Each structure stands twice: as structure tokens, then as C-alpha cells.
Amino acid sequence: MTFGGKVLKIHPTGLILFSFLLAIMVGTFLISLPWATVQGHINLVDALFTATSAVCVTGLVVVDTGSFFTLFGQIVILGLIQIGGLGVMTISVFLFRWMGRGISIRHRMAMQDVFAHTPREDILGLVRSIIYFTLTAELLGAIVLTSQWADDFGFHKAIYYAGFHAISAFCNAGFSTFSDSMTRFGDDTILNLTVCGLIIAGGVGFPVIHELRVWLKMRGGRRPRLSVQTKTVIWTTLLLIVAGALLFFLLENPNSMQGTSIQHKMLASLFQSVTCRTAGFNTVNIGSLQDATLALMIFLMFFGASPGSCGGGVKTTTLALLTAFTWSRIKRHQRVNIFKKSIPQETVTRTMSLMLVSIGIIGLVLFLLLLVDSAIGYEADAPRGVFLTYFFETVSAFGTVGLSMGITSQLSTWGKLWITVMMIVGRVGVLTFAYIVVGAGTSTGIEYSEENMMVG
């Protein structure tokens, strides 16, 4: 990268962060333009919050997207969602190749960090397949949604609404032009399944999609074995969706879903289980759910989607590795094994570090939210209690989910800024920030004589 005629050496992790920050700044400027909003103006902090939420595909909103923004403003938000979902680096690499320009080593390394668990030579082919798959999935989703909405909104409006929500769903953004998100469509089976399908496709991870596509194209005995990463992502995703839906049904059947049809209960349970994993749409009133259900949703939001996807969170593979690590230690095994493969010790260590740092960041931001709002005498309307409401909001921002108990628009200026920071950290990744702060290099450090200590 050049600046003022000088070459700036930026590590690939820093390049990823810089690309997101640049997109956020551009988005904030465009959203702040007079013709982007119906009223002709928007608070700078609200513009920054909205741009960050869009680029980081979170879905938390301080103003209603459908009524506050003009068509221009909504298109800007949609463009930011698409850019943020695929990643600025992905789109820039694709455009450079499309124009016949070469790709720098740093760009290749950045793509390697984002989309590959092992070094691979066809990283550009992977990027190309990501773009094609994304456009195809969004187009198919938009077609189905258009057919569902054509009678209600008219053909032309249906096309726009369908395109907006198809992109928002696939990118796991959760932005909606409807003030009640998807609540009004809670009984529409086709719509619910379509949106769920888009969310899963965007959240399962592009490397997994690419590997499955190559695997399916093979015939007979020529098919290679699926990687441990792909198997782990598939099984963990299925387990979380099924278990989440079942628990949601059991918890809310006598509560918020009491008196509704069995179809509505099943669809709502499945939809919330899927959307908690970083999408942010909802077909039920989140504020009406009982505390146990909210705890379940916080768990799902924390782990989120899978590596190399549009979603956030500490990822499904982290949950799988933690489970495998715990089981191996219970059995007093030194190595962590998954699908008859041993996981490198370095990967296991990174998983532990990721968990601890993530919990620490969530705790810190939650503390700062409670501290600054109480210090300035700000009192939010939180019937369920400020702590639970802010905790839910913080984890939702970290997991780039976008679900809220209704507190987002009531946050103080400092509260919005802290949630903005949390969304960026959640989208770019905790380890990426750690590499930027302490460096990506490794060293053995100083080694002293050993002395044991008690734990537990």
C-alpha cells in the first residue's frame, strides 16, 4: 500500500481491519448525505452506528431502516451489507482479477487467513467461487421471496423487498425494511424456510461450501475425503440448529407461543434457532421471551457461525474443539482428536486464547456500558433489568447477530460507540485484533525452571 509516495508495510491482518474501517468511513459519509434520509439529516453517531452495523453485517439499528432512510439510503446500506458480508478484500481481489490486474502477496496472504484452514494454491479460484455462489444463492432466494410477496406488495415492490432481504439474509445481516422484522410472516412456511436456508448458506463458511461443491462434482471412488474442518462445521451446525429449535420450543411453548398453531410454533422455533447464529431477523418479540430462553440465545449468539463465513461469534469450530479438548482431558488423553484426526496443539491453544479473550472483551464492554450510562445519569427503559438487557445487546453485537431486547435506539452516545467497537471486533475477529496489538510473530519467550501450583 502506498501513501504520500511511501510504501506502507501492512500485515495481512492489519489489511483486513483497514479495509473494514475504510468501508465504514465511506458508508458513514454516504448515509450522512441529505438525500439518504427522509428528514434530510442524521446524527453523526447514528450514521456511524448504522454504517458499522451494515459493514459488520450485524443488524442492530438505532433508527427504522424502512421509514427513516430514503431509497438511496437503503441502497447504500444494502451495498455495505454485501461488501461486509463478502469482505472488502474478497471483492477487491475479484475486481482486480476481473480487470486483469495482478494480486499482491499481501492480498493473497490476507485471503489465506480469512478463507483457508490450510495453505492452498488455488486461493484465487476459491475467491471466484465465493462470488459466484453468493450471487447465485441471493438470486434464487430473491426469486422465491418475490413469488411470496408479489400479491401483497405488487410485483415491483416485491422484487425490491425480496432482493434486499435475500442479500441481508445470506450475509447474515438481519437488516429489514419492515419495522417488525419478519414477525408478520411467522406462519409463512416457504418464506421462513427460504430465509433460514439463506442464513445457513451464508453462515456455514465459504471454504465448506467450496469443498462440498468440489466433492459433489466428483464421481464414484474419485471423491476425496472431506476435511476435518468441513465435517466439524456440518455436524456442529446441525446439532446447534436442532438442539436450539427443540429447546426454544420446549421453553416458549407455554410462554410466548401459547395459543398459536403447531405450525407457527415449529417455524418460530426453527427460525429463532437459525437466526440467533448471527442473522438478526426475528419472527417473535424478543422482549417477551423468558430468561431461560434469552440465556439459550446468548449461548448461540456467542458461538455464532463458522469460520470463513459472513457471520461472527467465536465460531462453531471453537465449540467443537472445546468439547473435544474437555473430553480428552477427562479421559486423560494428551492429544485432541476429531474424526480420527489429531488437532495440532497450536490450534488447541489458539482456541483457548480465543475463548478467554472473547469473554474478557464482552465483560469489559458490558462493564463500560453500565459504567458510562450510570455515570451520566442515563436510565434506559429496560423492564427486564439493565444488566440482562445490556448483556444481551453486547453479545449480540460481538456475534454480529443484530437481535435486541429493544434497547438499541435508547443507548446513550457512549453506549452506541462501545457497541460500535464491539461490532467491529466481532466481525474482524478477536485474534486479528490480538495480532495487530501484540504482533503476529511467535517467540518462545523467557523460560525458567518449573514449579507446580494448585488449580481448580
Protein backbone atom coordinates (compact mmCIF):
# COMPACT_ATOMS: atom_id res chain seq x y z
CA MET A 1 0.00 0.00 0.00
CA THR A 2 1.35 3.47 -0.90
CA PHE A 3 0.72 6.73 0.96
CA GLY A 4 2.42 10.03 0.11
CA GLY A 5 4.79 8.26 -2.24
CA LYS A 6 5.97 5.94 0.53
CA VAL A 7 5.28 2.26 0.76
CA LEU A 8 3.49 1.23 3.94
CA LYS A 9 4.10 -2.35 5.05
CA ILE A 10 0.85 -3.65 6.49
CA HIS A 11 0.47 -7.18 7.81
CA PRO A 12 -2.44 -9.10 6.20
CA THR A 13 -4.39 -8.96 9.48
CA GLY A 14 -3.99 -5.19 9.56
CA LEU A 15 -5.02 -5.02 5.91
CA ILE A 16 -8.30 -6.77 6.73
CA LEU A 17 -9.05 -4.36 9.58
CA PHE A 18 -8.12 -1.36 7.46
CA SER A 19 -10.43 -2.47 4.65
CA PHE A 20 -13.40 -2.73 7.03
CA LEU A 21 -12.66 0.63 8.65
CA LEU A 22 -12.40 2.26 5.23
CA ALA A 23 -15.76 0.81 4.19
CA ILE A 24 -17.31 2.05 7.44
CA MET A 25 -15.97 5.57 6.92
CA VAL A 26 -17.25 5.71 3.34
CA GLY A 27 -20.60 4.30 4.45
CA THR A 28 -20.90 6.85 7.25
CA PHE A 29 -20.31 9.67 4.76
CA LEU A 30 -22.89 8.36 2.28
CA ILE A 31 -25.51 7.76 4.98
CA SER A 32 -24.94 11.30 6.27
CA LEU A 33 -25.84 12.85 2.90
CA PRO A 34 -29.11 14.84 2.95
CA TRP A 35 -30.79 12.65 0.34
CA ALA A 36 -30.05 9.45 2.28
CA THR A 37 -32.70 10.13 4.93
CA VAL A 38 -36.33 11.20 4.78
CA GLN A 39 -35.74 14.07 7.21
CA GLY A 40 -32.60 15.19 5.36
CA HIS A 41 -30.22 14.70 8.29
CA ILE A 42 -28.96 12.08 10.73
CA ASN A 43 -26.86 12.30 13.86
CA LEU A 44 -23.20 11.53 13.11
CA VAL A 45 -23.03 8.84 15.80
CA ASP A 46 -26.20 7.22 14.43
CA ALA A 47 -24.74 7.31 10.91
CA LEU A 48 -21.53 5.70 12.15
CA PHE A 49 -23.51 3.10 14.10
CA THR A 50 -25.68 2.23 11.07
CA ALA A 51 -22.71 2.04 8.69
CA THR A 52 -20.79 -0.17 11.12
CA SER A 53 -23.80 -2.42 11.67
CA ALA A 54 -24.17 -2.82 7.89
CA VAL A 55 -20.50 -3.40 7.06
CA CYS A 56 -20.12 -5.76 10.03
CA VAL A 57 -23.39 -7.48 8.95
CA THR A 58 -24.83 -7.14 12.43
CA GLY A 59 -28.33 -5.71 12.01
CA LEU A 60 -28.57 -3.64 15.18
CA VAL A 61 -30.36 -0.40 14.29
CA VAL A 62 -30.93 2.89 16.08
CA VAL A 63 -33.49 4.06 13.51
CA ASP A 64 -36.05 2.16 11.46
CA THR A 65 -34.44 1.27 8.14
CA GLY A 66 -37.66 1.24 6.10
CA SER A 67 -39.13 4.56 7.25
CA PHE A 68 -36.09 6.65 8.22
CA PHE A 69 -33.96 6.14 5.09
CA THR A 70 -34.84 7.03 1.51
CA LEU A 71 -34.41 4.58 -1.35
CA PHE A 72 -30.89 5.94 -1.84
CA GLY A 73 -30.08 5.42 1.83
CA GLN A 74 -31.45 1.88 1.81
CA ILE A 75 -29.42 1.02 -1.29
CA VAL A 76 -26.29 2.38 0.38
CA ILE A 77 -26.99 0.17 3.41
CA LEU A 78 -27.61 -2.81 1.14
CA GLY A 79 -24.32 -2.19 -0.66
CA LEU A 80 -22.48 -2.00 2.65
CA ILE A 81 -24.09 -5.29 3.72
CA GLN A 82 -22.96 -7.01 0.54
CA ILE A 83 -19.45 -5.63 0.85
CA GLY A 84 -19.25 -6.51 4.53
CA GLY A 85 -20.68 -9.99 4.05
CA LEU A 86 -18.21 -11.00 1.39
CA GLY A 87 -15.42 -8.91 2.86
CA VAL A 88 -13.83 -5.88 1.27
CA MET A 89 -10.70 -7.85 0.48
CA THR A 90 -12.66 -10.55 -1.34
CA ILE A 91 -14.42 -8.07 -3.59
CA SER A 92 -11.25 -6.09 -4.31
CA VAL A 93 -9.31 -9.25 -5.22
CA PHE A 94 -12.15 -10.38 -7.52
CA LEU A 95 -12.32 -6.98 -9.24
CA PHE A 96 -8.55 -6.84 -9.71
CA ARG A 97 -8.58 -10.28 -11.35
CA TRP A 98 -11.61 -9.35 -13.45
CA MET A 99 -9.73 -6.29 -14.74
CA GLY A 100 -6.69 -8.44 -15.48
CA ARG A 101 -4.54 -6.94 -12.74
CA GLY A 102 -2.21 -8.97 -10.57
CA ILE A 103 -2.75 -9.67 -6.87
CA SER A 104 -0.06 -8.77 -4.34
CA ILE A 105 1.40 -11.29 -1.93
CA ARG A 106 -0.16 -9.43 0.99
CA HIS A 107 -3.62 -9.68 -0.59
CA ARG A 108 -3.10 -13.40 -1.13
CA MET A 109 -1.98 -13.85 2.48
CA ALA A 110 -5.00 -11.91 3.71
CA MET A 111 -7.31 -14.17 1.72
CA GLN A 112 -5.44 -17.18 3.07
CA ASP A 113 -6.03 -16.02 6.64
CA VAL A 114 -9.75 -15.47 6.05
CA PHE A 115 -10.80 -18.41 3.88
CA ALA A 116 -8.40 -21.31 4.30
CA HIS A 117 -7.54 -23.51 7.28
CA THR A 118 -4.51 -24.94 5.45
CA PRO A 119 -2.24 -23.36 2.81
CA ARG A 120 -3.66 -23.71 -0.68
CA GLU A 121 -2.52 -22.66 -4.13
CA ASP A 122 -6.00 -22.10 -5.61
CA ILE A 123 -6.94 -19.25 -3.26
CA LEU A 124 -7.99 -17.08 -6.21
CA GLY A 125 -10.19 -19.88 -7.52
CA LEU A 126 -11.78 -20.08 -4.08
CA VAL A 127 -12.47 -16.33 -4.11
CA ARG A 128 -14.04 -16.62 -7.56
CA SER A 129 -16.29 -19.48 -6.48
CA ILE A 130 -17.31 -17.49 -3.38
CA ILE A 131 -18.53 -14.59 -5.52
CA TYR A 132 -20.43 -16.85 -7.93
CA PHE A 133 -22.03 -18.90 -5.15
CA THR A 134 -23.07 -15.77 -3.27
CA LEU A 135 -24.74 -14.18 -6.29
CA THR A 136 -26.46 -17.44 -7.22
CA ALA A 137 -27.81 -18.07 -3.71
CA GLU A 138 -29.04 -14.49 -3.35
CA LEU A 139 -30.70 -14.57 -6.76
CA LEU A 140 -32.53 -17.84 -6.04
CA GLY A 141 -33.61 -16.54 -2.64
CA ALA A 142 -34.86 -13.30 -4.16
CA ILE A 143 -36.90 -15.20 -6.75
CA VAL A 144 -38.65 -17.27 -4.09
CA LEU A 145 -39.31 -14.26 -1.87
CA THR A 146 -40.65 -12.27 -4.83
CA SER A 147 -43.18 -15.01 -5.55
CA GLN A 148 -44.29 -14.88 -1.91
CA TRP A 149 -44.65 -11.10 -1.75
CA ALA A 150 -45.93 -10.25 -5.22
CA ASP A 151 -49.60 -10.42 -4.20
CA ASP A 152 -49.09 -8.40 -1.01
CA PHE A 153 -46.88 -5.57 -2.26
CA GLY A 154 -47.14 -5.62 -6.05
CA PHE A 155 -44.53 -7.06 -8.38
CA HIS A 156 -42.08 -4.15 -8.44
CA LYS A 157 -42.02 -3.58 -4.68
CA ALA A 158 -41.83 -7.33 -4.14
CA ILE A 159 -38.68 -7.51 -6.27
CA TYR A 160 -37.02 -4.78 -4.21
CA TYR A 161 -38.06 -6.20 -0.85
CA ALA A 162 -37.05 -9.69 -1.95
CA GLY A 163 -33.62 -8.57 -3.18
CA PHE A 164 -32.97 -6.56 -0.02
CA HIS A 165 -33.92 -9.38 2.36
CA ALA A 166 -32.22 -12.10 0.30
CA ILE A 167 -28.90 -10.24 0.46
CA SER A 168 -29.43 -9.34 4.12
CA ALA A 169 -30.24 -12.96 5.00
CA PHE A 170 -27.37 -14.56 3.08
CA CYS A 171 -24.89 -12.05 4.51
CA ASN A 172 -26.32 -12.77 7.98
CA ALA A 173 -27.01 -9.05 8.41
CA GLY A 174 -30.56 -9.03 9.74
CA PHE A 175 -31.45 -5.61 8.29
CA SER A 176 -35.09 -5.39 7.27
CA THR A 177 -37.27 -2.78 5.60
CA PHE A 178 -40.14 -3.95 7.81
CA SER A 179 -40.39 -2.30 11.22
CA ASP A 180 -41.27 -5.64 12.88
CA SER A 181 -38.55 -7.60 11.06
CA MET A 182 -40.16 -10.92 9.99
CA THR A 183 -42.80 -11.11 12.73
CA ARG A 184 -45.71 -10.64 10.34
CA PHE A 185 -44.57 -13.67 8.31
CA GLY A 186 -44.33 -16.12 11.21
CA ASP A 187 -46.81 -18.56 9.60
CA ASP A 188 -45.36 -18.47 6.07
CA THR A 189 -43.60 -21.82 5.69
CA ILE A 190 -41.90 -21.14 2.35
CA LEU A 191 -40.66 -17.72 3.43
CA ASN A 192 -39.34 -19.00 6.75
CA LEU A 193 -37.52 -21.93 5.18
CA THR A 194 -36.09 -19.73 2.40
CA VAL A 195 -34.70 -17.17 4.83
CA CYS A 196 -33.35 -19.94 7.07
CA GLY A 197 -31.69 -21.57 4.07
CA LEU A 198 -30.02 -18.31 3.05
CA ILE A 199 -28.79 -17.69 6.59
CA ILE A 200 -27.32 -21.20 6.87
CA ALA A 201 -25.70 -20.97 3.43
CA GLY A 202 -24.06 -17.68 4.35
CA GLY A 203 -23.04 -18.81 7.83
CA VAL A 204 -21.66 -22.27 7.21
CA GLY A 205 -18.46 -20.86 5.73
CA PHE A 206 -17.27 -20.37 2.16
CA PRO A 207 -14.43 -22.93 2.45
CA VAL A 208 -17.00 -25.58 3.44
CA ILE A 209 -19.31 -24.64 0.56
CA HIS A 210 -16.39 -24.76 -1.89
CA GLU A 211 -15.21 -28.13 -0.62
CA LEU A 212 -18.71 -29.61 -0.75
CA ARG A 213 -19.21 -28.32 -4.27
CA VAL A 214 -15.95 -29.92 -5.43
CA TRP A 215 -16.82 -33.14 -3.56
CA LEU A 216 -20.28 -33.38 -5.14
CA LYS A 217 -18.88 -32.84 -8.63
CA MET A 218 -16.60 -35.86 -8.23
CA ARG A 219 -17.90 -39.27 -9.25
CA GLY A 220 -17.59 -42.63 -7.53
CA GLY A 221 -14.28 -43.56 -5.95
CA ARG A 222 -12.61 -40.38 -7.17
CA ARG A 223 -14.20 -38.37 -4.38
CA PRO A 224 -11.63 -37.17 -1.85
CA ARG A 225 -12.32 -37.31 1.84
CA LEU A 226 -13.90 -34.26 3.37
CA SER A 227 -11.60 -32.31 5.66
CA VAL A 228 -12.00 -32.35 9.42
CA GLN A 229 -12.97 -28.69 9.24
CA THR A 230 -15.89 -29.39 6.89
CA LYS A 231 -17.13 -32.39 8.86
CA THR A 232 -16.88 -30.47 12.13
CA VAL A 233 -18.73 -27.45 10.77
CA ILE A 234 -21.55 -29.54 9.27
CA TRP A 235 -22.18 -31.66 12.36
CA THR A 236 -21.82 -28.80 14.85
CA THR A 237 -24.13 -26.59 12.78
CA LEU A 238 -26.79 -29.30 12.56
CA LEU A 239 -26.52 -30.04 16.28
CA LEU A 240 -26.87 -26.38 17.26
CA ILE A 241 -29.84 -25.81 14.95
CA VAL A 242 -31.75 -28.92 16.06
CA ALA A 243 -30.94 -28.55 19.76
CA GLY A 244 -31.64 -24.81 19.67
CA ALA A 245 -35.01 -25.29 17.96
CA LEU A 246 -36.05 -28.08 20.32
CA LEU A 247 -35.10 -26.13 23.45
CA PHE A 248 -36.78 -22.96 22.16
CA PHE A 249 -39.96 -24.94 21.52
CA LEU A 250 -39.94 -26.50 25.00
CA LEU A 251 -39.20 -23.20 26.73
CA GLU A 252 -41.60 -20.94 24.84
CA ASN A 253 -44.46 -23.32 24.08
CA PRO A 254 -46.14 -22.48 27.40
CA ASN A 255 -44.97 -18.88 27.28
CA SER A 256 -44.80 -16.52 24.27
CA MET A 257 -46.13 -19.11 21.78
CA GLN A 258 -49.06 -20.20 23.91
CA GLY A 259 -52.29 -20.34 21.89
CA THR A 260 -50.57 -20.35 18.47
CA SER A 261 -50.78 -23.15 15.92
CA ILE A 262 -48.31 -26.04 15.93
CA GLN A 263 -47.07 -24.86 12.54
CA HIS A 264 -46.28 -21.42 13.95
CA LYS A 265 -44.53 -22.93 16.97
CA MET A 266 -42.32 -25.19 14.85
CA LEU A 267 -41.46 -22.46 12.35
CA ALA A 268 -40.76 -19.90 15.08
CA SER A 269 -38.54 -22.35 16.99
CA LEU A 270 -36.53 -23.25 13.88
CA PHE A 271 -36.29 -19.64 12.71
CA GLN A 272 -35.03 -18.31 16.04
CA SER A 273 -32.55 -21.16 16.39
CA VAL A 274 -31.09 -20.35 12.98
CA THR A 275 -31.22 -16.56 13.20
CA CYS A 276 -29.56 -16.49 16.64
CA ARG A 277 -26.47 -17.80 14.96
CA THR A 278 -25.68 -14.28 13.63
CA ALA A 279 -28.54 -13.31 11.32
CA GLY A 280 -30.67 -11.00 13.47
CA PHE A 281 -34.11 -11.46 11.94
CA ASN A 282 -36.91 -12.47 14.28
CA THR A 283 -40.47 -13.78 13.99
CA VAL A 284 -41.24 -13.39 17.71
CA ASN A 285 -40.95 -10.47 20.11
CA ILE A 286 -37.54 -10.95 21.74
CA GLY A 287 -38.55 -8.86 24.74
CA SER A 288 -41.40 -11.26 25.55
CA LEU A 289 -39.16 -14.34 25.89
CA GLN A 290 -38.41 -15.77 29.31
CA ASP A 291 -34.96 -15.51 30.88
CA ALA A 292 -34.03 -19.15 30.22
CA THR A 293 -34.73 -18.67 26.51
CA LEU A 294 -32.66 -15.49 26.44
CA ALA A 295 -29.80 -17.40 28.09
CA LEU A 296 -30.05 -20.04 25.36
CA MET A 297 -29.97 -17.33 22.69
CA ILE A 298 -26.92 -15.69 24.28
CA PHE A 299 -25.13 -19.05 24.12
CA LEU A 300 -25.99 -19.47 20.43
CA MET A 301 -25.04 -15.87 19.62
CA PHE A 302 -21.69 -16.19 21.38
CA PHE A 303 -20.56 -19.15 19.27
CA GLY A 304 -22.26 -17.85 16.13
CA ALA A 305 -21.44 -19.03 12.63
CA SER A 306 -18.48 -20.89 11.13
CA PRO A 307 -15.00 -19.69 10.07
CA GLY A 308 -14.71 -18.01 6.68
CA SER A 309 -18.40 -17.07 6.59
CA CYS A 310 -20.49 -13.92 6.69
CA GLY A 311 -21.23 -14.44 10.39
CA GLY A 312 -19.46 -13.57 13.62
CA GLY A 313 -19.03 -15.13 17.05
CA VAL A 314 -16.20 -17.34 18.23
CA LYS A 315 -17.38 -19.88 15.64
CA THR A 316 -18.75 -23.42 15.64
CA THR A 317 -15.31 -25.00 15.31
CA THR A 318 -14.31 -23.37 18.60
CA LEU A 319 -17.24 -25.03 20.36
CA ALA A 320 -16.34 -28.38 18.80
CA LEU A 321 -12.67 -28.06 19.78
CA LEU A 322 -13.54 -27.04 23.34
CA THR A 323 -15.82 -30.05 23.66
CA ALA A 324 -13.18 -32.39 22.22
CA PHE A 325 -10.49 -30.87 24.45
CA THR A 326 -12.60 -31.29 27.58
CA TRP A 327 -13.44 -34.89 26.70
CA SER A 328 -9.79 -35.72 26.03
CA ARG A 329 -8.72 -34.29 29.38
CA ILE A 330 -11.48 -36.19 31.20
CA LYS A 331 -10.13 -39.38 29.61
CA ARG A 332 -6.57 -38.20 30.45
CA HIS A 333 -5.51 -38.13 26.80
CA GLN A 334 -2.77 -35.74 25.75
CA ARG A 335 -3.97 -35.22 22.17
CA VAL A 336 -7.27 -33.76 20.99
CA ASN A 337 -8.82 -35.93 18.29
CA ILE A 338 -11.77 -35.22 15.99
CA PHE A 339 -12.99 -37.63 13.31
CA LYS A 340 -9.90 -39.82 13.84
CA LYS A 341 -7.57 -36.89 13.22
CA SER A 342 -5.33 -35.23 15.81
CA ILE A 343 -5.63 -31.47 16.04
CA PRO A 344 -2.32 -29.55 16.29
CA GLN A 345 -1.55 -28.34 19.81
CA GLU A 346 -1.09 -24.80 18.50
CA THR A 347 -4.69 -24.80 17.21
CA VAL A 348 -5.99 -26.00 20.56
CA THR A 349 -4.02 -23.28 22.34
CA ARG A 350 -5.39 -20.63 19.99
CA THR A 351 -8.90 -21.87 20.73
CA MET A 352 -8.39 -21.45 24.47
CA SER A 353 -6.91 -17.99 23.95
CA LEU A 354 -9.81 -17.02 21.70
CA MET A 355 -12.36 -18.07 24.30
CA LEU A 356 -10.67 -16.28 27.17
CA VAL A 357 -10.05 -13.06 25.25
CA SER A 358 -13.61 -13.06 23.85
CA ILE A 359 -15.14 -13.49 27.30
CA GLY A 360 -12.84 -10.77 28.60
CA ILE A 361 -13.81 -8.31 25.86
CA ILE A 362 -17.52 -8.95 26.35
CA GLY A 363 -17.13 -8.46 30.09
CA LEU A 364 -15.13 -5.25 29.60
CA VAL A 365 -17.58 -3.67 27.15
CA LEU A 366 -20.56 -4.68 29.31
CA PHE A 367 -18.84 -3.07 32.30
CA LEU A 368 -18.15 0.12 30.33
CA LEU A 369 -21.75 0.27 29.08
CA LEU A 370 -23.09 0.01 32.61
CA LEU A 371 -20.46 2.41 33.92
CA VAL A 372 -20.80 5.25 31.41
CA ASP A 373 -24.59 5.20 31.33
CA SER A 374 -24.84 5.26 35.11
CA ALA A 375 -22.11 7.94 35.34
CA ILE A 376 -24.03 10.35 33.11
CA GLY A 377 -27.30 9.59 34.87
CA TYR A 378 -28.74 7.82 31.83
CA GLU A 379 -31.58 5.41 32.51
CA ALA A 380 -32.72 3.16 29.68
CA ASP A 381 -36.22 1.73 29.54
CA ALA A 382 -35.31 -1.87 30.33
CA PRO A 383 -38.25 -3.65 32.01
CA ARG A 384 -36.23 -6.91 32.23
CA GLY A 385 -33.37 -5.20 34.05
CA VAL A 386 -30.48 -3.16 32.68
CA PHE A 387 -27.85 -5.88 33.22
CA LEU A 388 -29.64 -8.61 31.25
CA THR A 389 -30.68 -6.19 28.51
CA TYR A 390 -27.16 -4.77 28.09
CA PHE A 391 -25.58 -8.23 28.32
CA PHE A 392 -27.86 -9.50 25.54
CA GLU A 393 -27.05 -6.42 23.45
CA THR A 394 -23.30 -6.78 23.97
CA VAL A 395 -23.18 -10.45 22.99
CA SER A 396 -25.44 -9.73 20.01
CA ALA A 397 -23.00 -7.07 18.81
CA PHE A 398 -19.97 -9.31 19.39
CA GLY A 399 -21.59 -12.18 17.49
CA THR A 400 -22.70 -9.72 14.76
CA VAL A 401 -26.22 -11.07 15.30
CA GLY A 402 -28.42 -8.00 15.50
CA LEU A 403 -31.08 -9.32 17.85
CA SER A 404 -32.08 -6.90 20.59
CA MET A 405 -34.42 -6.66 23.53
CA GLY A 406 -35.39 -3.20 22.28
CA ILE A 407 -32.60 -1.17 23.88
CA THR A 408 -30.53 -0.21 20.81
CA SER A 409 -32.24 3.07 19.91
CA GLN A 410 -32.22 4.08 23.60
CA LEU A 411 -28.48 3.72 24.09
CA SER A 412 -26.57 6.83 25.10
CA THR A 413 -23.96 8.26 22.75
CA TRP A 414 -21.19 6.48 24.63
CA GLY A 415 -23.24 3.30 24.65
CA LYS A 416 -23.62 3.42 20.87
CA LEU A 417 -19.88 3.98 20.46
CA TRP A 418 -18.99 0.99 22.64
CA ILE A 419 -21.43 -1.23 20.76
CA THR A 420 -19.91 0.08 17.51
CA VAL A 421 -16.46 -1.02 18.68
CA MET A 422 -17.86 -4.39 19.68
CA MET A 423 -19.39 -4.93 16.23
CA ILE A 424 -16.05 -4.23 14.55
CA VAL A 425 -14.19 -6.58 16.89
CA GLY A 426 -16.81 -9.29 16.32
CA ARG A 427 -16.68 -9.03 12.54
CA VAL A 428 -12.93 -8.70 12.03
CA GLY A 429 -12.15 -11.27 14.71
CA VAL A 430 -10.66 -11.24 18.19
CA LEU A 431 -7.42 -12.94 17.11
CA THR A 432 -6.97 -10.44 14.27
CA PHE A 433 -7.08 -7.62 16.80
CA ALA A 434 -4.69 -9.51 19.05
CA TYR A 435 -2.21 -9.90 16.18
CA ILE A 436 -2.42 -6.18 15.42
CA VAL A 437 -1.82 -5.23 19.06
CA VAL A 438 0.93 -7.70 20.01
CA GLY A 439 2.15 -8.78 16.55
CA ALA A 440 1.64 -11.98 14.59
CA GLY A 441 5.11 -13.35 15.20
CA THR A 442 5.77 -16.05 17.76
CA SER A 443 8.61 -16.46 20.22
CA THR A 444 9.46 -18.91 22.96
CA GLY A 445 9.93 -16.08 25.45
CA ILE A 446 11.94 -16.50 28.63
CA GLU A 447 11.94 -19.99 30.08
CA TYR A 448 12.57 -20.50 33.80
CA SER A 449 12.74 -23.59 35.97
CA GLU A 450 9.37 -25.26 36.54
CA GLU A 451 7.40 -25.12 39.78
CA ASN A 452 3.91 -26.59 40.18
CA MET A 453 0.85 -24.83 41.61
CA MET A 454 -2.68 -25.87 42.59
CA VAL A 455 -5.59 -25.25 40.22
CA GLY A 456 -9.31 -25.91 40.48
